[in-house]
Amino acid sequence: MPMVISVNKNETSPANECRYPNTIVVRPRSDFRLLGSGISVSSSKTYTAIDAVNQPDWKTRGLVFILDAEGDTTNVGFLIDKHDYVVVDDEEVVQ
């Protein structure tokens, strides 16, 4: 189940490029929305994500923070586990 946890985001460039050195691109398997926050992700889009290294068992559970979720205007990342996303390659990236 997705959750929202605070992460320290680096500044983004004018082209909204993330400055994290080890990012991946993911596509959620379903649409998710954090009620009451306006933060959501869509299964029809791809998103920049980073490993959720500050979470217990992050590697085993495949936890990542989606950094560019819709409505996320704070230093909050959308936490999602390996059952809820697929990693995509450059040809599949959808903005």
Protein backbone atom coordinates (compact mmCIF):
# COMPACT_ATOMS: atom_id res chain seq x y z
CA MET A 1 0.00 0.00 0.00
CA PRO A 2 1.45 3.42 -0.93
CA MET A 3 2.29 5.92 1.79
CA VAL A 4 3.71 9.41 1.84
CA ILE A 5 6.88 9.99 3.82
CA SER A 6 9.04 13.10 3.95
CA VAL A 7 12.25 12.98 1.91
CA ASN A 8 14.86 15.64 1.33
CA LYS A 9 14.52 16.58 -2.32
CA ASN A 10 17.29 18.37 -4.13
CA GLU A 11 16.44 21.41 -6.19
CA THR A 12 15.11 20.66 -9.62
CA SER A 13 16.45 22.25 -12.77
CA PRO A 14 14.31 24.51 -14.97
CA ALA A 15 13.45 21.46 -17.09
CA ASN A 16 12.21 19.62 -13.95
CA GLU A 17 15.14 17.21 -14.10
CA CYS A 18 15.88 15.53 -10.79
CA ARG A 19 19.42 15.97 -9.49
CA TYR A 20 19.56 12.66 -7.62
CA PRO A 21 22.43 10.61 -9.07
CA ASN A 22 20.72 7.19 -8.82
CA THR A 23 17.17 7.66 -10.01
CA ILE A 24 14.99 5.15 -11.79
CA VAL A 25 11.84 5.60 -13.83
CA VAL A 26 8.76 3.70 -12.68
CA ARG A 27 5.20 3.21 -13.86
CA PRO A 28 2.59 2.52 -11.15
CA ARG A 29 0.49 -0.61 -11.76
CA SER A 30 -2.64 1.27 -10.58
CA ASP A 31 -3.76 4.82 -9.96
CA PHE A 32 -3.07 5.92 -6.37
CA ARG A 33 -4.27 8.99 -4.49
CA LEU A 34 -3.44 10.20 -1.01
CA LEU A 35 -6.81 11.39 0.26
CA GLY A 36 -6.93 14.92 1.58
CA SER A 37 -3.57 15.91 0.13
CA GLY A 38 -4.13 16.29 -3.60
CA ILE A 39 -1.13 14.01 -4.24
CA SER A 40 -1.67 11.27 -6.81
CA VAL A 41 0.07 9.04 -9.35
CA SER A 42 -1.42 7.59 -12.51
CA SER A 43 -0.83 4.20 -14.11
CA SER A 44 -0.74 5.90 -17.51
CA LYS A 45 2.36 7.96 -16.65
CA THR A 46 5.96 7.34 -15.65
CA TYR A 47 7.70 8.96 -12.70
CA THR A 48 11.19 9.57 -11.37
CA ALA A 49 11.89 7.53 -8.23
CA ILE A 50 14.69 6.83 -5.77
CA ASP A 51 15.32 3.93 -3.41
CA ALA A 52 13.68 4.49 -0.03
CA VAL A 53 16.89 3.78 1.89
CA ASN A 54 15.53 5.37 5.08
CA GLN A 55 12.78 2.74 5.35
CA PRO A 56 13.12 -0.64 7.12
CA ASP A 57 13.72 -3.55 4.72
CA TRP A 58 13.59 -1.15 1.76
CA LYS A 59 15.67 -3.41 -0.47
CA THR A 60 13.69 -6.61 0.27
CA ARG A 61 10.36 -4.83 -0.11
CA GLY A 62 11.47 -2.85 -3.18
CA LEU A 63 10.45 0.46 -1.64
CA VAL A 64 10.93 3.62 -3.71
CA PHE A 65 9.90 7.24 -3.35
CA ILE A 66 8.18 8.74 -6.39
CA LEU A 67 9.55 12.29 -6.50
CA ASP A 68 7.33 13.95 -9.09
CA ALA A 69 3.81 12.87 -8.12
CA GLU A 70 0.98 15.18 -9.20
CA GLY A 71 0.12 17.70 -6.51
CA ASP A 72 3.34 17.15 -4.55
CA THR A 73 4.57 20.71 -3.97
CA THR A 74 6.45 19.97 -0.74
CA ASN A 75 9.43 17.85 0.31
CA VAL A 76 7.21 14.79 0.37
CA GLY A 77 7.74 11.66 -1.68
CA PHE A 78 5.12 9.06 -2.53
CA LEU A 79 6.25 5.74 -1.06
CA ILE A 80 5.37 2.67 -3.11
CA ASP A 81 6.52 -0.97 -2.95
CA LYS A 82 7.69 -3.41 -5.64
CA HIS A 83 4.22 -4.92 -6.08
CA ASP A 84 2.79 -1.55 -7.07
CA TYR A 85 5.21 -0.44 -9.81
CA VAL A 86 7.34 -1.60 -12.73
CA VAL A 87 10.69 -0.13 -13.74
CA VAL A 88 10.64 1.20 -17.29
CA ASP A 89 13.44 1.90 -19.76
CA ASP A 90 14.05 5.13 -21.68
CA GLU A 91 11.84 4.19 -24.62
CA GLU A 92 8.80 3.78 -22.36
CA VAL A 93 9.05 7.11 -20.51
CA VAL A 94 5.78 9.05 -20.65
CA GLN A 95 5.65 12.62 -19.29
